[in-house]
Protein backbone atom coordinates (compact mmCIF):
# COMPACT_ATOMS: atom_id res chain seq x y z
CA MET A 1 119.49 124.68 52.81
CA ARG A 2 123.01 125.57 51.69
CA ASN A 3 124.68 124.97 48.33
CA PRO A 4 127.00 121.88 48.47
CA PHE A 5 129.74 123.95 46.90
CA GLU A 6 129.48 126.36 49.99
CA LEU A 7 129.80 123.47 52.37
CA ILE A 8 133.00 122.28 50.47
CA GLU A 9 134.24 125.84 50.56
CA ASP A 10 133.81 126.09 54.28
CA TRP A 11 135.39 122.75 54.92
CA VAL A 12 138.53 123.72 52.83
CA ASP A 13 138.67 127.06 54.82
CA ARG A 14 138.56 125.29 58.13
CA VAL A 15 141.23 122.78 57.03
CA ALA A 16 143.51 125.44 55.63
CA GLU A 17 143.07 127.64 58.76
CA GLN A 18 144.04 124.82 61.13
CA GLY A 19 146.95 123.67 59.06
CA ALA A 20 148.16 127.35 58.96
CA ARG A 21 147.73 127.62 62.84
CA LYS A 22 149.54 124.45 63.47
CA SER A 23 152.41 125.47 61.25
CA ALA A 24 152.57 128.94 62.83
CA GLN A 25 152.77 127.29 66.42
CA ARG A 26 155.76 124.88 65.23
CA THR A 27 157.77 127.23 63.08
CA GLY A 28 158.92 130.77 63.39
CA ARG A 29 159.30 133.60 60.97
CA ARG A 30 163.07 133.13 60.78
CA SER A 31 162.91 129.58 59.71
CA VAL A 32 160.33 130.39 56.97
CA LEU A 33 162.53 133.19 55.66
CA ALA A 34 165.55 130.67 55.82
CA LEU A 35 163.63 128.17 53.68
CA LEU A 36 162.47 130.83 51.24
CA GLY A 37 166.12 131.96 50.88
CA GLN A 38 167.28 128.44 50.12
CA ALA A 39 164.64 128.12 47.54
CA MET A 40 165.63 131.33 45.91
CA ILE A 41 169.31 130.39 45.78
CA GLY A 42 168.46 126.92 44.50
CA ALA A 43 166.32 128.40 41.80
CA ALA A 44 169.18 130.69 40.87
CA ILE A 45 171.70 127.89 40.52
CA ILE A 46 169.62 125.33 38.46
CA PRO A 47 170.19 127.21 35.04
CA MET A 48 174.05 127.04 35.59
CA LEU A 49 174.31 123.37 36.26
CA PRO A 50 175.63 121.19 33.47
CA PHE A 51 173.37 118.95 31.69
CA ASP A 52 174.07 115.75 29.62
CA ARG A 53 173.44 116.06 25.90
CA SER A 54 174.68 112.50 25.12
CA GLY A 55 171.06 111.38 24.46
CA LEU A 56 171.22 113.37 21.21
CA ALA A 57 173.76 110.81 19.88
CA ARG A 58 171.16 107.96 19.77
CA ALA A 59 169.22 110.03 17.38
CA ALA A 60 172.29 110.62 15.14
CA GLU A 61 173.26 106.84 15.21
CA SER A 62 169.71 105.91 13.91
CA ASP A 63 170.12 108.39 10.90
CA ASN A 64 172.63 106.25 9.29
CA LYS A 65 170.79 103.15 8.80
CA GLY A 66 172.08 102.18 5.25
CA GLY A 67 175.77 101.92 6.35
CA ARG A 68 176.99 103.37 3.05
CA LYS A 69 180.55 104.54 2.88
CA LYS A 70 180.89 108.15 1.43
CA GLU A 71 182.84 111.17 2.03
CA PRO A 72 181.66 112.97 4.94
CA THR A 73 180.25 116.52 4.73
CA ASP A 74 180.04 119.29 7.21
CA GLU A 75 176.49 118.22 8.00
CA GLU A 76 177.65 114.71 9.24
CA CYS A 77 179.15 113.75 12.42
CA ASP A 78 181.99 111.93 10.81
CA TYR A 79 183.40 115.21 9.32
CA TRP A 80 186.99 115.48 10.67
CA ARG A 81 186.50 118.77 12.28
CA TYR A 82 183.83 117.31 14.65
CA CYS A 83 186.01 114.81 16.31
CA ALA A 84 185.11 116.13 19.76
CA LEU A 85 181.79 117.68 19.22
CA SER A 86 178.89 116.58 21.29
CA GLY A 87 175.73 118.30 20.41
CA VAL A 88 173.64 119.60 17.38
CA LEU A 89 175.43 120.70 14.26
CA CYS A 90 174.63 124.38 13.41
CA THR A 91 175.05 123.43 9.65
CA CYS A 92 171.65 121.77 9.95
CA CYS A 93 170.07 124.56 11.92
CA GLY A 94 170.59 127.58 9.64
CA GLY A 95 174.27 128.34 10.63
CA THR A 96 177.55 127.30 9.19
CA VAL A 97 180.55 125.32 10.46
CA THR A 98 181.96 128.66 12.11
CA SER A 99 178.78 130.93 12.62
CA CYS A 100 175.72 130.72 14.59
CA PRO A 101 172.20 130.77 13.09
CA THR A 102 170.31 134.07 13.00
CA GLY A 103 168.71 134.73 16.56
CA THR A 104 171.43 133.05 18.45
CA GLU A 105 174.67 134.25 20.06
CA ILE A 106 177.94 132.44 20.43
CA SER A 107 178.79 131.17 23.97
CA ARG A 108 181.36 133.08 25.86
CA VAL A 109 183.20 129.94 26.86
CA SER A 110 184.15 126.92 24.79
CA TRP A 111 186.05 123.74 24.77
CA VAL A 112 189.00 122.82 22.42
CA GLY A 113 189.68 119.56 20.71
CA THR A 114 192.59 118.32 18.54
CA CYS A 115 191.13 116.78 15.37
CA GLU A 116 193.13 115.21 12.58
CA ASN A 117 192.51 116.06 8.94
CA ALA A 118 193.20 112.76 7.31
CA LYS A 119 193.64 114.20 3.77
CA GLU A 120 196.23 116.60 4.89
CA GLY A 121 197.77 114.45 7.54
CA LYS A 122 197.75 117.27 9.95
CA SER A 123 196.12 117.76 13.31
CA TYR A 124 194.30 121.10 14.14
CA LEU A 125 193.10 122.69 17.34
CA VAL A 126 189.24 123.14 17.05
CA SER A 127 187.26 125.50 19.28
CA TYR A 128 183.74 124.31 19.95
CA ASN A 129 181.38 126.99 20.83
CA ASP A 130 177.62 126.49 21.45
CA CYS A 131 175.08 128.81 19.94
CA CYS A 132 172.69 130.08 22.51
CA GLY A 133 169.27 131.72 22.94
CA LYS A 134 166.90 129.40 21.24
CA ILE A 135 165.93 125.75 22.13
CA SER A 136 167.79 123.03 20.30
CA CYS A 137 166.85 122.51 16.68
CA GLY A 138 167.10 118.72 17.23
CA ARG A 139 168.74 117.95 13.82
CA CYS A 140 172.05 116.38 13.10
CA SER A 141 172.91 115.32 16.65
CA CYS A 142 176.43 114.12 17.26
CA SER A 143 178.29 112.59 20.13
CA ASN A 144 182.01 112.43 19.44
CA HIS A 145 184.31 111.89 22.38
CA GLU A 146 187.86 111.80 20.98
CA ARG A 147 190.28 112.48 23.63
CA GLU A 148 187.45 113.70 26.04
CA ARG A 149 188.35 114.00 29.74
CA PRO A 150 186.05 113.11 32.71
CA GLY A 151 183.19 115.52 33.50
CA TYR A 152 184.77 116.94 36.58
CA GLN A 153 187.41 118.53 34.40
CA LEU A 154 184.89 121.04 32.93
CA GLY A 155 187.26 122.64 30.45
CA LEU A 156 188.13 119.39 28.81
CA HIS A 157 184.57 117.84 28.85
CA ASN A 158 182.05 118.19 25.96
CA ASN A 159 178.83 117.32 27.49
CA ILE A 160 178.28 120.54 29.31
CA ASN A 161 175.91 123.49 28.59
CA TRP A 162 178.47 126.00 27.62
CA CYS A 163 175.75 128.69 27.29
CA MET A 164 175.54 128.96 31.10
CA ALA A 165 177.85 132.07 30.96
CA ASN A 166 175.51 133.81 28.54
CA ASP A 167 172.46 135.86 29.40
CA LEU A 168 170.45 133.74 27.05
CA ASN A 169 171.50 130.37 28.20
CA SER A 170 169.40 127.85 26.26
CA TYR A 171 171.41 125.67 23.89
CA HIS A 172 170.71 125.70 20.25
CA CYS A 173 173.69 124.09 18.42
CA THR A 174 177.48 123.90 18.15
CA VAL A 175 179.98 125.40 15.76
CA ALA A 176 183.60 124.27 15.22
CA SER A 177 186.14 126.90 14.40
CA LEU A 178 189.87 126.18 13.54
CA VAL A 179 192.15 127.73 15.92
CA GLY A 180 195.40 126.63 14.18
CA LEU A 181 197.75 123.74 13.70
CA ALA A 182 198.20 121.54 16.80
CA PRO A 183 201.67 121.58 18.23
CA GLU A 184 203.74 118.45 17.27
CA PRO A 185 204.33 116.08 20.18
CA ALA A 186 207.81 116.73 21.77
CA ALA A 187 210.41 113.81 20.72
CA LYS A 188 211.44 111.67 23.68
CA GLY A 189 215.08 111.28 24.00
């Protein structure tokens, strides 16, 4: 008498062989190679696709339950420099407002926002760079969309993985560096 596992093994072998033979009769080598090529190209493109980080904003909104009014710091989403930042603040992840945490690298591409410093009454150009190479630290999530443009205008949209140009393209956090004063709007006349 044969072992039940041997019977199951024989049955699986027969079914797999029949399936392979039927598949070989219906498809040729070229179509299999074409499918494999498409799969490889698709797998290579997936890391370059933008992804939406707006879900991080819900966590940030739940952090301020007391509704207290106080002066915002660089570890809070209300800090004036973060007016167009959507992501995780590097100040909460071991970095600073302008430098990435240890073990990460700054993104090669960025987006620029124009933020007003209410105390000075001046507007500044702020360059937002993602810090790449580690998974998101998940603290101090912000979703500010002041003067944001639609997602199809990639250079003006902040919910994109800007680490896609780096070798290490996992998103960790975002820094906000001042570029300079924003130009004054031209007078209409």
